[in-house]
N, C-alpha and C. Protein backbone atom coordinates (compact mmCIF):
# COMPACT_ATOMS: atom_id res chain seq x y z
N MET A 1 0.84 -1.17 0.00
CA MET A 1 -0.01 0.00 0.00
C MET A 1 0.88 1.24 -0.01
N LYS A 2 0.47 2.22 -0.77
CA LYS A 2 1.28 3.42 -0.92
C LYS A 2 1.01 4.49 0.11
N PHE A 3 -0.11 4.36 0.84
CA PHE A 3 -0.45 5.32 1.89
C PHE A 3 -1.30 4.61 2.94
N GLN A 4 -1.36 5.19 4.12
CA GLN A 4 -2.14 4.62 5.21
C GLN A 4 -3.60 5.02 5.08
N LEU A 5 -4.50 4.07 5.31
CA LEU A 5 -5.93 4.35 5.26
C LEU A 5 -6.48 4.79 6.61
N GLY A 6 -5.79 4.43 7.69
CA GLY A 6 -6.36 4.63 9.01
C GLY A 6 -7.53 3.68 9.19
N LYS A 7 -8.48 4.06 10.01
CA LYS A 7 -9.67 3.23 10.24
C LYS A 7 -10.60 3.40 9.05
N VAL A 8 -10.98 2.29 8.43
CA VAL A 8 -11.90 2.34 7.29
C VAL A 8 -13.33 2.23 7.79
N VAL A 9 -14.13 3.24 7.47
CA VAL A 9 -15.53 3.29 7.90
C VAL A 9 -16.41 3.62 6.71
N MET A 10 -17.69 3.38 6.89
CA MET A 10 -18.65 3.75 5.84
C MET A 10 -19.90 4.29 6.50
N THR A 11 -20.66 5.03 5.73
CA THR A 11 -21.90 5.58 6.27
C THR A 11 -22.92 4.45 6.44
N LYS A 12 -23.91 4.74 7.23
CA LYS A 12 -24.95 3.77 7.50
C LYS A 12 -25.67 3.35 6.20
N ARG A 13 -25.94 4.30 5.34
CA ARG A 13 -26.64 4.00 4.08
C ARG A 13 -25.83 3.09 3.17
N ILE A 14 -24.53 3.31 3.11
CA ILE A 14 -23.65 2.43 2.30
C ILE A 14 -23.69 1.02 2.91
N ALA A 15 -23.52 0.91 4.21
CA ALA A 15 -23.52 -0.40 4.88
C ALA A 15 -24.84 -1.13 4.67
N GLU A 16 -25.94 -0.42 4.80
CA GLU A 16 -27.25 -1.05 4.60
C GLU A 16 -27.42 -1.56 3.18
N GLN A 17 -26.99 -0.78 2.21
CA GLN A 17 -27.13 -1.21 0.81
C GLN A 17 -26.25 -2.43 0.53
N MET A 18 -25.10 -2.50 1.16
CA MET A 18 -24.21 -3.66 0.96
C MET A 18 -24.88 -4.94 1.49
N THR A 19 -25.68 -4.83 2.54
CA THR A 19 -26.30 -6.02 3.11
C THR A 19 -27.42 -6.58 2.23
N VAL A 20 -28.01 -5.75 1.39
CA VAL A 20 -29.12 -6.22 0.55
C VAL A 20 -28.74 -6.39 -0.92
N ASN A 21 -27.52 -6.01 -1.28
CA ASN A 21 -27.11 -6.08 -2.69
C ASN A 21 -25.67 -6.59 -2.77
N SER A 22 -25.52 -7.86 -3.09
CA SER A 22 -24.18 -8.47 -3.12
C SER A 22 -23.33 -7.90 -4.26
N VAL A 23 -23.96 -7.46 -5.34
CA VAL A 23 -23.20 -6.84 -6.45
C VAL A 23 -22.59 -5.52 -5.97
N PHE A 24 -23.38 -4.74 -5.25
CA PHE A 24 -22.89 -3.48 -4.70
C PHE A 24 -21.79 -3.73 -3.67
N GLU A 25 -21.96 -4.76 -2.85
CA GLU A 25 -20.91 -5.12 -1.87
C GLU A 25 -19.59 -5.37 -2.59
N LYS A 26 -19.64 -6.11 -3.70
CA LYS A 26 -18.43 -6.37 -4.48
C LYS A 26 -17.90 -5.08 -5.11
N ASP A 27 -18.79 -4.23 -5.58
CA ASP A 27 -18.38 -2.93 -6.14
C ASP A 27 -17.57 -2.14 -5.11
N ILE A 28 -18.03 -2.14 -3.86
CA ILE A 28 -17.33 -1.41 -2.79
C ILE A 28 -15.97 -2.02 -2.54
N GLN A 29 -15.91 -3.34 -2.47
CA GLN A 29 -14.63 -4.01 -2.27
C GLN A 29 -13.66 -3.69 -3.41
N ASP A 30 -14.15 -3.74 -4.65
CA ASP A 30 -13.31 -3.44 -5.81
C ASP A 30 -12.84 -1.99 -5.80
N ALA A 31 -13.73 -1.08 -5.44
CA ALA A 31 -13.37 0.34 -5.38
C ALA A 31 -12.28 0.57 -4.34
N LEU A 32 -12.39 -0.06 -3.19
CA LEU A 32 -11.38 0.13 -2.14
C LEU A 32 -10.03 -0.45 -2.57
N LEU A 33 -10.05 -1.57 -3.27
CA LEU A 33 -8.78 -2.14 -3.79
C LEU A 33 -8.15 -1.19 -4.80
N LYS A 34 -8.94 -0.62 -5.69
CA LYS A 34 -8.43 0.35 -6.66
C LYS A 34 -7.85 1.55 -5.93
N TYR A 35 -8.56 2.04 -4.95
CA TYR A 35 -8.14 3.20 -4.17
C TYR A 35 -6.76 2.94 -3.54
N CYS A 36 -6.58 1.78 -2.97
CA CYS A 36 -5.30 1.42 -2.34
C CYS A 36 -4.16 1.38 -3.36
N LYS A 37 -4.49 1.17 -4.63
CA LYS A 37 -3.48 1.13 -5.70
C LYS A 37 -3.35 2.47 -6.41
N CYS A 38 -3.95 3.52 -5.81
CA CYS A 38 -3.90 4.87 -6.37
C CYS A 38 -4.61 4.98 -7.72
N ASP A 39 -5.62 4.19 -7.94
CA ASP A 39 -6.53 4.35 -9.07
C ASP A 39 -7.69 5.15 -8.52
N TRP A 40 -7.79 6.41 -8.92
CA TRP A 40 -8.70 7.36 -8.30
C TRP A 40 -10.09 7.37 -8.93
N GLY A 41 -10.36 6.44 -9.82
CA GLY A 41 -11.71 6.32 -10.36
C GLY A 41 -12.04 7.38 -11.39
N VAL A 42 -13.22 7.96 -11.26
CA VAL A 42 -13.76 8.84 -12.28
C VAL A 42 -13.51 10.32 -11.98
N LEU A 43 -12.27 10.64 -11.64
CA LEU A 43 -11.87 12.03 -11.39
C LEU A 43 -11.21 12.62 -12.64
N CYS A 44 -11.20 13.93 -12.73
CA CYS A 44 -10.48 14.59 -13.82
C CYS A 44 -8.98 14.47 -13.55
N GLU A 45 -8.18 14.70 -14.56
CA GLU A 45 -6.73 14.55 -14.45
C GLU A 45 -6.14 15.47 -13.38
N ASP A 46 -6.64 16.68 -13.26
CA ASP A 46 -6.12 17.60 -12.24
C ASP A 46 -6.35 17.06 -10.83
N ASP A 47 -7.53 16.52 -10.57
CA ASP A 47 -7.83 15.95 -9.25
C ASP A 47 -6.99 14.72 -8.98
N LYS A 48 -6.75 13.92 -10.01
CA LYS A 48 -5.88 12.75 -9.85
C LYS A 48 -4.46 13.18 -9.48
N ALA A 49 -3.99 14.24 -10.12
CA ALA A 49 -2.64 14.76 -9.83
C ALA A 49 -2.55 15.27 -8.39
N VAL A 50 -3.60 15.92 -7.90
CA VAL A 50 -3.62 16.39 -6.51
C VAL A 50 -3.53 15.19 -5.57
N ASN A 51 -4.25 14.13 -5.85
CA ASN A 51 -4.16 12.92 -5.02
C ASN A 51 -2.77 12.33 -5.05
N ASP A 52 -2.18 12.24 -6.24
CA ASP A 52 -0.83 11.69 -6.36
C ASP A 52 0.15 12.50 -5.51
N TYR A 53 -0.01 13.83 -5.52
CA TYR A 53 0.84 14.70 -4.69
C TYR A 53 0.59 14.42 -3.20
N ALA A 54 -0.67 14.26 -2.82
CA ALA A 54 -1.01 13.99 -1.41
C ALA A 54 -0.40 12.68 -0.95
N VAL A 55 -0.37 11.67 -1.82
CA VAL A 55 0.23 10.39 -1.46
C VAL A 55 1.74 10.57 -1.28
N LYS A 56 2.36 11.30 -2.16
CA LYS A 56 3.81 11.48 -2.13
C LYS A 56 4.26 12.35 -0.97
N ASP A 57 3.58 13.46 -0.74
CA ASP A 57 4.01 14.43 0.26
C ASP A 57 3.31 14.29 1.61
N GLY A 58 2.14 13.68 1.64
CA GLY A 58 1.40 13.57 2.89
C GLY A 58 0.80 14.89 3.31
N GLY A 59 0.00 14.86 4.37
CA GLY A 59 -0.54 16.08 4.91
C GLY A 59 -1.74 16.65 4.16
N TYR A 60 -2.22 15.94 3.18
CA TYR A 60 -3.38 16.41 2.40
C TYR A 60 -4.40 15.28 2.31
N ARG A 61 -5.66 15.67 2.22
CA ARG A 61 -6.74 14.73 2.07
C ARG A 61 -6.65 14.03 0.71
N ILE A 62 -7.09 12.77 0.66
CA ILE A 62 -7.15 12.01 -0.60
C ILE A 62 -8.61 11.71 -0.89
N PHE A 63 -9.03 11.96 -2.12
CA PHE A 63 -10.42 11.83 -2.49
C PHE A 63 -10.52 11.08 -3.82
N ALA A 64 -11.48 10.14 -3.91
CA ALA A 64 -11.71 9.42 -5.16
C ALA A 64 -13.21 9.18 -5.34
N ALA A 65 -13.58 8.94 -6.59
CA ALA A 65 -14.98 8.67 -6.93
C ALA A 65 -15.05 7.47 -7.84
N TYR A 66 -16.01 6.61 -7.60
CA TYR A 66 -16.14 5.37 -8.38
C TYR A 66 -17.58 5.15 -8.79
N GLU A 67 -17.76 4.61 -9.97
CA GLU A 67 -19.10 4.21 -10.43
C GLU A 67 -19.38 2.80 -9.87
N THR A 68 -20.60 2.62 -9.38
CA THR A 68 -21.02 1.31 -8.87
C THR A 68 -22.39 0.97 -9.47
N SER A 69 -22.85 -0.21 -9.18
CA SER A 69 -24.17 -0.64 -9.65
C SER A 69 -25.30 0.19 -9.03
N GLU A 70 -25.00 0.92 -7.97
CA GLU A 70 -26.01 1.75 -7.29
C GLU A 70 -25.75 3.24 -7.47
N GLY A 71 -24.84 3.60 -8.35
CA GLY A 71 -24.48 5.00 -8.54
C GLY A 71 -23.08 5.29 -8.01
N ASN A 72 -22.65 6.53 -8.16
CA ASN A 72 -21.31 6.90 -7.72
C ASN A 72 -21.16 6.88 -6.21
N ILE A 73 -19.98 6.48 -5.77
CA ILE A 73 -19.61 6.57 -4.36
C ILE A 73 -18.31 7.36 -4.26
N TRP A 74 -18.05 7.89 -3.11
CA TRP A 74 -16.81 8.59 -2.82
C TRP A 74 -16.05 7.83 -1.76
N ILE A 75 -14.72 7.92 -1.82
CA ILE A 75 -13.84 7.42 -0.76
C ILE A 75 -12.91 8.57 -0.42
N ILE A 76 -12.84 8.89 0.86
CA ILE A 76 -12.04 10.03 1.33
C ILE A 76 -11.16 9.60 2.49
N THR A 77 -9.87 9.86 2.38
CA THR A 77 -8.94 9.62 3.48
C THR A 77 -8.53 10.97 4.06
N GLU A 78 -8.64 11.08 5.37
CA GLU A 78 -8.29 12.32 6.06
C GLU A 78 -6.82 12.67 5.87
N ALA A 79 -6.51 13.92 5.94
CA ALA A 79 -5.14 14.40 5.73
C ALA A 79 -4.17 13.76 6.72
N ASP A 80 -4.62 13.53 7.95
CA ASP A 80 -3.73 12.93 8.96
C ASP A 80 -3.71 11.40 8.88
N ARG A 81 -4.43 10.83 7.89
CA ARG A 81 -4.49 9.39 7.63
C ARG A 81 -5.11 8.61 8.79
N SER A 82 -5.93 9.28 9.60
CA SER A 82 -6.57 8.62 10.73
C SER A 82 -7.77 7.77 10.31
N ALA A 83 -8.40 8.15 9.19
CA ALA A 83 -9.61 7.44 8.79
C ALA A 83 -9.85 7.58 7.28
N THR A 84 -10.50 6.56 6.73
CA THR A 84 -10.97 6.57 5.36
C THR A 84 -12.44 6.27 5.39
N THR A 85 -13.24 7.11 4.73
CA THR A 85 -14.69 6.98 4.76
C THR A 85 -15.22 6.70 3.35
N ILE A 86 -16.15 5.75 3.29
CA ILE A 86 -16.86 5.42 2.04
C ILE A 86 -18.27 5.98 2.21
N LEU A 87 -18.70 6.77 1.23
CA LEU A 87 -19.98 7.45 1.34
C LEU A 87 -20.60 7.76 -0.02
N TRP A 88 -21.88 8.06 0.00
CA TRP A 88 -22.56 8.60 -1.19
C TRP A 88 -22.21 10.08 -1.30
N PRO A 89 -22.13 10.62 -2.50
CA PRO A 89 -21.83 12.06 -2.65
C PRO A 89 -22.78 12.98 -1.88
N ASP A 90 -24.06 12.62 -1.79
CA ASP A 90 -25.00 13.49 -1.07
C ASP A 90 -24.87 13.42 0.45
N GLU A 91 -23.97 12.56 0.93
CA GLU A 91 -23.73 12.47 2.37
C GLU A 91 -22.53 13.31 2.81
N TYR A 92 -21.89 13.99 1.89
CA TYR A 92 -20.71 14.78 2.23
C TYR A 92 -21.11 16.06 2.93
């Protein structure tokens, strides 16, 4: 892994949807694996470059967006690397 995730958490709505939709559960697992490999999903090139800088230099938040069977999700790692949150965009 190229950066620390800290504690990985998800919102209640994400967790609930994972329990009723196994395809979505796999989508979340796949997205987190991509995230750990610095594949930032459906971001523009400028945002991907900001994430790459945050991984290299530290001290900055890391943000990614992924398409899933239930719509886009976001994954955000705090600047201090204490936590990574999986959420719907409207939960931000």
